[in-house]
Amino acid sequence: MHGSVWANFRHFLEGLFALELNDEIKPRERSSDAMHMSMSEQSGVHLLRVLIDEGWCARSELAGELVVSPKQIDAYADGRAAMPLDRQLCLALFVVETIPALVTIGRQLREAVAARMSVKSP
């Protein structure tokens, strides 16, 4: 059941944001990454690193769930690319739906991203 609910929501988000998927990675300047990352972006990247480093998920599984390439997952994790809010929301929802031990962190990220999205909305 979780898989179908998650898949439906992911498809909803893809349509809502009219996502265009590609493997292009835009490099960021290393010296100022932390200063230019929003709090929610730092949290999203932190959660992504926890999932990978602690063995909760394989990069390929995360790539499938976030609808990006494994190469893009690596770019998010090491700071070469900014993690978009919609991908952070997908990450938060994936964690809430599938990893009970990290539900609180997933919910916190979801709330932070939702707040950030409401501020960016016209």
N, C-alpha and C. Protein backbone atom coordinates (compact mmCIF):
# COMPACT_ATOMS: atom_id res chain seq x y z
N MET A 1 0.81 -1.19 0.00
CA MET A 1 0.00 0.00 0.00
C MET A 1 0.86 1.26 0.00
N HIS A 2 1.91 1.25 0.81
CA HIS A 2 2.77 2.44 0.88
C HIS A 2 3.35 2.77 -0.48
N GLY A 3 3.78 1.74 -1.21
CA GLY A 3 4.38 1.97 -2.51
C GLY A 3 3.44 2.66 -3.47
N SER A 4 2.18 2.23 -3.50
CA SER A 4 1.23 2.83 -4.44
C SER A 4 0.87 4.25 -4.04
N VAL A 5 0.72 4.52 -2.76
CA VAL A 5 0.43 5.87 -2.30
C VAL A 5 1.61 6.79 -2.64
N TRP A 6 2.81 6.31 -2.35
CA TRP A 6 4.00 7.10 -2.64
C TRP A 6 4.14 7.35 -4.13
N ALA A 7 3.92 6.31 -4.94
CA ALA A 7 4.04 6.45 -6.40
C ALA A 7 3.02 7.46 -6.92
N ASN A 8 1.80 7.39 -6.42
CA ASN A 8 0.77 8.35 -6.85
C ASN A 8 1.14 9.78 -6.49
N PHE A 9 1.64 9.97 -5.27
CA PHE A 9 2.01 11.31 -4.85
C PHE A 9 3.20 11.83 -5.66
N ARG A 10 4.16 10.96 -5.92
CA ARG A 10 5.33 11.35 -6.72
C ARG A 10 4.89 11.79 -8.11
N HIS A 11 3.96 11.04 -8.71
CA HIS A 11 3.46 11.42 -10.04
C HIS A 11 2.71 12.75 -9.98
N PHE A 12 1.98 12.97 -8.89
CA PHE A 12 1.30 14.24 -8.69
C PHE A 12 2.30 15.39 -8.66
N LEU A 13 3.38 15.21 -7.90
CA LEU A 13 4.40 16.25 -7.81
C LEU A 13 5.06 16.51 -9.15
N GLU A 14 5.33 15.45 -9.88
CA GLU A 14 5.96 15.61 -11.20
C GLU A 14 5.09 16.47 -12.11
N GLY A 15 3.79 16.21 -12.09
CA GLY A 15 2.88 17.01 -12.90
C GLY A 15 2.76 18.43 -12.40
N LEU A 16 2.69 18.58 -11.08
CA LEU A 16 2.53 19.89 -10.47
C LEU A 16 3.71 20.81 -10.79
N PHE A 17 4.89 20.28 -10.69
CA PHE A 17 6.07 21.08 -10.92
C PHE A 17 6.60 20.98 -12.34
N ALA A 18 5.96 20.18 -13.20
CA ALA A 18 6.38 19.99 -14.59
C ALA A 18 7.88 19.76 -14.64
N LEU A 19 8.32 18.73 -13.93
CA LEU A 19 9.74 18.46 -13.82
C LEU A 19 10.34 18.02 -15.12
N GLU A 20 11.50 18.54 -15.42
CA GLU A 20 12.28 18.07 -16.54
C GLU A 20 13.51 17.40 -15.96
N LEU A 21 13.66 16.12 -16.26
CA LEU A 21 14.77 15.37 -15.70
C LEU A 21 15.95 15.37 -16.67
N ASN A 22 17.11 15.66 -16.14
CA ASN A 22 18.33 15.55 -16.94
C ASN A 22 19.49 15.29 -16.00
N ASP A 23 20.62 14.95 -16.57
CA ASP A 23 21.79 14.61 -15.76
C ASP A 23 22.76 15.77 -15.60
N GLU A 24 22.37 16.95 -16.04
CA GLU A 24 23.27 18.08 -15.95
C GLU A 24 23.45 18.48 -14.48
N ILE A 25 24.69 18.61 -14.10
CA ILE A 25 25.00 19.01 -12.73
C ILE A 25 25.67 20.36 -12.78
N LYS A 26 25.12 21.30 -12.07
CA LYS A 26 25.68 22.64 -12.04
C LYS A 26 26.59 22.77 -10.83
N PRO A 27 27.87 22.98 -11.05
CA PRO A 27 28.79 23.08 -9.92
C PRO A 27 28.51 24.32 -9.08
N ARG A 28 28.75 24.18 -7.80
CA ARG A 28 28.63 25.30 -6.88
C ARG A 28 30.01 25.62 -6.35
N GLU A 29 30.19 26.83 -5.95
CA GLU A 29 31.47 27.21 -5.38
C GLU A 29 31.59 26.62 -3.99
N ARG A 30 32.64 25.85 -3.77
CA ARG A 30 32.84 25.15 -2.51
C ARG A 30 32.95 26.10 -1.31
N SER A 31 33.63 27.21 -1.46
CA SER A 31 33.91 28.07 -0.31
C SER A 31 32.67 28.69 0.29
N SER A 32 31.60 28.83 -0.48
CA SER A 32 30.43 29.52 0.04
C SER A 32 29.19 28.63 0.10
N ASP A 33 29.34 27.33 -0.07
CA ASP A 33 28.18 26.43 -0.06
C ASP A 33 27.32 26.59 1.17
N ALA A 34 27.90 26.48 2.34
CA ALA A 34 27.13 26.50 3.58
C ALA A 34 26.43 27.84 3.77
N MET A 35 27.07 28.93 3.36
CA MET A 35 26.47 30.24 3.54
C MET A 35 25.26 30.44 2.63
N HIS A 36 25.27 29.82 1.45
CA HIS A 36 24.20 30.04 0.48
C HIS A 36 23.11 28.98 0.53
N MET A 37 23.31 27.94 1.31
CA MET A 37 22.29 26.90 1.43
C MET A 37 21.26 27.33 2.47
N SER A 38 19.99 27.18 2.12
CA SER A 38 18.94 27.48 3.09
C SER A 38 18.99 26.42 4.19
N MET A 39 18.33 26.72 5.31
CA MET A 39 18.28 25.76 6.41
C MET A 39 17.64 24.46 5.96
N SER A 40 16.53 24.55 5.19
CA SER A 40 15.88 23.32 4.74
C SER A 40 16.77 22.56 3.75
N GLU A 41 17.52 23.28 2.91
CA GLU A 41 18.42 22.60 1.98
C GLU A 41 19.52 21.87 2.74
N GLN A 42 20.06 22.51 3.78
CA GLN A 42 21.07 21.84 4.60
C GLN A 42 20.48 20.60 5.25
N SER A 43 19.25 20.69 5.73
CA SER A 43 18.59 19.55 6.36
C SER A 43 18.34 18.44 5.35
N GLY A 44 17.92 18.80 4.14
CA GLY A 44 17.70 17.81 3.10
C GLY A 44 18.97 17.08 2.73
N VAL A 45 20.04 17.83 2.57
CA VAL A 45 21.33 17.22 2.24
C VAL A 45 21.82 16.37 3.41
N HIS A 46 21.64 16.85 4.62
CA HIS A 46 22.04 16.08 5.79
C HIS A 46 21.29 14.75 5.85
N LEU A 47 19.98 14.79 5.64
CA LEU A 47 19.19 13.56 5.67
C LEU A 47 19.62 12.63 4.55
N LEU A 48 19.87 13.16 3.38
CA LEU A 48 20.35 12.35 2.26
C LEU A 48 21.66 11.64 2.62
N ARG A 49 22.58 12.39 3.22
CA ARG A 49 23.87 11.79 3.62
C ARG A 49 23.68 10.72 4.69
N VAL A 50 22.79 10.96 5.65
CA VAL A 50 22.52 9.96 6.68
C VAL A 50 22.01 8.68 6.05
N LEU A 51 21.07 8.81 5.13
CA LEU A 51 20.50 7.63 4.47
C LEU A 51 21.57 6.82 3.74
N ILE A 52 22.47 7.52 3.08
CA ILE A 52 23.53 6.84 2.32
C ILE A 52 24.62 6.31 3.25
N ASP A 53 25.15 7.18 4.09
CA ASP A 53 26.29 6.82 4.93
C ASP A 53 25.98 5.75 5.97
N GLU A 54 24.76 5.75 6.48
CA GLU A 54 24.39 4.78 7.50
C GLU A 54 23.72 3.54 6.93
N GLY A 55 23.66 3.47 5.60
CA GLY A 55 23.15 2.27 4.95
C GLY A 55 21.65 2.09 4.96
N TRP A 56 20.88 3.15 5.18
CA TRP A 56 19.43 3.03 5.15
C TRP A 56 18.93 2.76 3.74
N CYS A 57 19.58 3.36 2.75
CA CYS A 57 19.17 3.21 1.34
C CYS A 57 20.40 3.25 0.44
N ALA A 58 20.29 2.55 -0.66
CA ALA A 58 21.33 2.62 -1.69
C ALA A 58 21.10 3.88 -2.52
N ARG A 59 22.17 4.39 -3.11
CA ARG A 59 22.04 5.57 -3.97
C ARG A 59 21.04 5.33 -5.09
N SER A 60 21.08 4.14 -5.66
CA SER A 60 20.17 3.84 -6.78
C SER A 60 18.71 3.86 -6.33
N GLU A 61 18.43 3.38 -5.12
CA GLU A 61 17.06 3.42 -4.61
C GLU A 61 16.62 4.87 -4.38
N LEU A 62 17.50 5.66 -3.79
CA LEU A 62 17.18 7.07 -3.58
C LEU A 62 16.96 7.80 -4.91
N ALA A 63 17.80 7.49 -5.88
CA ALA A 63 17.65 8.10 -7.21
C ALA A 63 16.28 7.78 -7.79
N GLY A 64 15.86 6.53 -7.66
CA GLY A 64 14.55 6.15 -8.16
C GLY A 64 13.42 6.86 -7.43
N GLU A 65 13.55 6.98 -6.13
CA GLU A 65 12.50 7.64 -5.34
C GLU A 65 12.44 9.14 -5.59
N LEU A 66 13.59 9.76 -5.84
CA LEU A 66 13.62 11.20 -6.09
C LEU A 66 13.50 11.54 -7.57
N VAL A 67 13.44 10.52 -8.40
CA VAL A 67 13.31 10.66 -9.85
C VAL A 67 14.46 11.50 -10.42
N VAL A 68 15.67 11.15 -10.02
CA VAL A 68 16.89 11.75 -10.56
C VAL A 68 17.88 10.62 -10.79
N SER A 69 19.00 10.91 -11.39
CA SER A 69 20.02 9.89 -11.62
C SER A 69 20.87 9.68 -10.35
N PRO A 70 21.52 8.52 -10.22
CA PRO A 70 22.45 8.33 -9.10
C PRO A 70 23.56 9.38 -9.09
N LYS A 71 23.95 9.81 -10.27
CA LYS A 71 24.97 10.86 -10.39
C LYS A 71 24.48 12.16 -9.74
N GLN A 72 23.20 12.45 -9.92
CA GLN A 72 22.63 13.65 -9.32
C GLN A 72 22.55 13.51 -7.80
N ILE A 73 22.24 12.31 -7.31
CA ILE A 73 22.22 12.06 -5.86
C ILE A 73 23.60 12.37 -5.28
N ASP A 74 24.66 11.89 -5.95
CA ASP A 74 26.02 12.17 -5.50
C ASP A 74 26.30 13.67 -5.49
N ALA A 75 25.81 14.37 -6.50
CA ALA A 75 26.03 15.82 -6.58
C ALA A 75 25.32 16.55 -5.43
N TYR A 76 24.11 16.11 -5.09
CA TYR A 76 23.42 16.70 -3.95
C TYR A 76 24.19 16.42 -2.66
N ALA A 77 24.61 15.16 -2.51
CA ALA A 77 25.26 14.73 -1.26
C ALA A 77 26.59 15.44 -1.01
N ASP A 78 27.33 15.71 -2.06
CA ASP A 78 28.63 16.34 -1.84
C ASP A 78 28.64 17.85 -2.10
N GLY A 79 27.48 18.42 -2.35
CA GLY A 79 27.37 19.88 -2.46
C GLY A 79 27.67 20.46 -3.82
N ARG A 80 27.85 19.62 -4.84
CA ARG A 80 28.11 20.15 -6.18
C ARG A 80 26.85 20.69 -6.84
N ALA A 81 25.70 20.29 -6.34
CA ALA A 81 24.43 20.77 -6.89
C ALA A 81 23.47 21.04 -5.74
N ALA A 82 22.70 22.09 -5.89
CA ALA A 82 21.68 22.41 -4.89
C ALA A 82 20.54 21.41 -5.00
N MET A 83 20.00 21.01 -3.88
CA MET A 83 18.87 20.09 -3.88
C MET A 83 17.58 20.91 -3.92
N PRO A 84 16.83 20.82 -5.04
CA PRO A 84 15.61 21.60 -5.16
C PRO A 84 14.58 21.24 -4.09
N LEU A 85 13.73 22.20 -3.78
CA LEU A 85 12.73 21.98 -2.74
C LEU A 85 11.81 20.81 -3.05
N ASP A 86 11.43 20.64 -4.31
CA ASP A 86 10.53 19.53 -4.65
C ASP A 86 11.20 18.18 -4.42
N ARG A 87 12.51 18.09 -4.66
CA ARG A 87 13.24 16.83 -4.41
C ARG A 87 13.38 16.59 -2.91
N GLN A 88 13.57 17.68 -2.14
CA GLN A 88 13.63 17.55 -0.69
C GLN A 88 12.29 17.08 -0.13
N LEU A 89 11.22 17.58 -0.70
CA LEU A 89 9.89 17.15 -0.27
C LEU A 89 9.70 15.66 -0.57
N CYS A 90 10.11 15.23 -1.74
CA CYS A 90 10.04 13.80 -2.08
C CYS A 90 10.87 12.98 -1.11
N LEU A 91 12.05 13.46 -0.77
CA LEU A 91 12.91 12.75 0.18
C LEU A 91 12.23 12.64 1.54
N ALA A 92 11.68 13.74 2.01
CA ALA A 92 11.01 13.75 3.32
C ALA A 92 9.84 12.77 3.33
N LEU A 93 9.03 12.79 2.30
CA LEU A 93 7.87 11.90 2.24
C LEU A 93 8.29 10.44 2.13
N PHE A 94 9.34 10.18 1.37
CA PHE A 94 9.86 8.81 1.26
C PHE A 94 10.30 8.30 2.63
N VAL A 95 11.01 9.12 3.37
CA VAL A 95 11.49 8.73 4.70
C VAL A 95 10.31 8.50 5.65
N VAL A 96 9.35 9.40 5.64
CA VAL A 96 8.18 9.26 6.52
C VAL A 96 7.42 7.97 6.21
N GLU A 97 7.29 7.65 4.93
CA GLU A 97 6.52 6.47 4.52
C GLU A 97 7.26 5.15 4.70
N THR A 98 8.60 5.17 4.67
CA THR A 98 9.31 3.89 4.58
C THR A 98 10.31 3.59 5.70
N ILE A 99 10.72 4.59 6.47
CA ILE A 99 11.75 4.36 7.48
C ILE A 99 11.25 4.85 8.84
N PRO A 100 10.58 3.97 9.58
CA PRO A 100 9.99 4.38 10.88
C PRO A 100 10.99 5.00 11.85
N ALA A 101 12.22 4.57 11.83
CA ALA A 101 13.22 5.10 12.76
C ALA A 101 13.56 6.57 12.48
N LEU A 102 13.28 7.03 11.27
CA LEU A 102 13.62 8.41 10.89
C LEU A 102 12.39 9.27 10.61
N VAL A 103 11.23 8.81 11.07
CA VAL A 103 9.98 9.54 10.81
C VAL A 103 10.04 10.97 11.31
N THR A 104 10.55 11.19 12.50
CA THR A 104 10.59 12.55 13.06
C THR A 104 11.44 13.47 12.20
N ILE A 105 12.59 13.00 11.77
CA ILE A 105 13.46 13.81 10.91
C ILE A 105 12.77 14.09 9.58
N GLY A 106 12.12 13.08 9.03
CA GLY A 106 11.40 13.25 7.77
C GLY A 106 10.29 14.28 7.90
N ARG A 107 9.55 14.22 9.00
CA ARG A 107 8.46 15.19 9.22
C ARG A 107 9.02 16.61 9.40
N GLN A 108 10.12 16.73 10.11
CA GLN A 108 10.73 18.05 10.30
C GLN A 108 11.17 18.64 8.95
N LEU A 109 11.78 17.81 8.13
CA LEU A 109 12.18 18.29 6.81
C LEU A 109 10.96 18.67 5.98
N ARG A 110 9.93 17.85 6.02
CA ARG A 110 8.70 18.14 5.26
C ARG A 110 8.14 19.49 5.67
N GLU A 111 8.08 19.77 6.97
CA GLU A 111 7.55 21.04 7.45
C GLU A 111 8.44 22.22 7.03
N ALA A 112 9.75 22.04 7.11
CA ALA A 112 10.67 23.11 6.71
C ALA A 112 10.55 23.41 5.23
N VAL A 113 10.44 22.38 4.42
CA VAL A 113 10.31 22.56 2.98
C VAL A 113 8.96 23.21 2.65
N ALA A 114 7.90 22.76 3.29
CA ALA A 114 6.58 23.35 3.05
C ALA A 114 6.58 24.84 3.40
N ALA A 115 7.23 25.19 4.49
CA ALA A 115 7.31 26.61 4.87
C ALA A 115 8.10 27.40 3.84
N ARG A 116 9.20 26.84 3.40
CA ARG A 116 10.04 27.51 2.40
C ARG A 116 9.28 27.67 1.09
N MET A 117 8.51 26.64 0.69
CA MET A 117 7.74 26.72 -0.55
C MET A 117 6.65 27.78 -0.46
N SER A 118 6.04 27.90 0.72
CA SER A 118 4.97 28.90 0.86
C SER A 118 5.53 30.32 0.80
N VAL A 119 6.75 30.51 1.26
CA VAL A 119 7.40 31.81 1.18
C VAL A 119 7.76 32.15 -0.27
N LYS A 120 8.18 31.13 -1.03
CA LYS A 120 8.58 31.36 -2.42
C LYS A 120 7.39 31.50 -3.36
N SER A 121 6.20 31.08 -2.95
CA SER A 121 5.01 31.16 -3.81
C SER A 121 4.61 32.62 -4.00
N PRO A 122 4.21 32.97 -5.23
CA PRO A 122 3.79 34.37 -5.48
C PRO A 122 2.48 34.69 -4.82
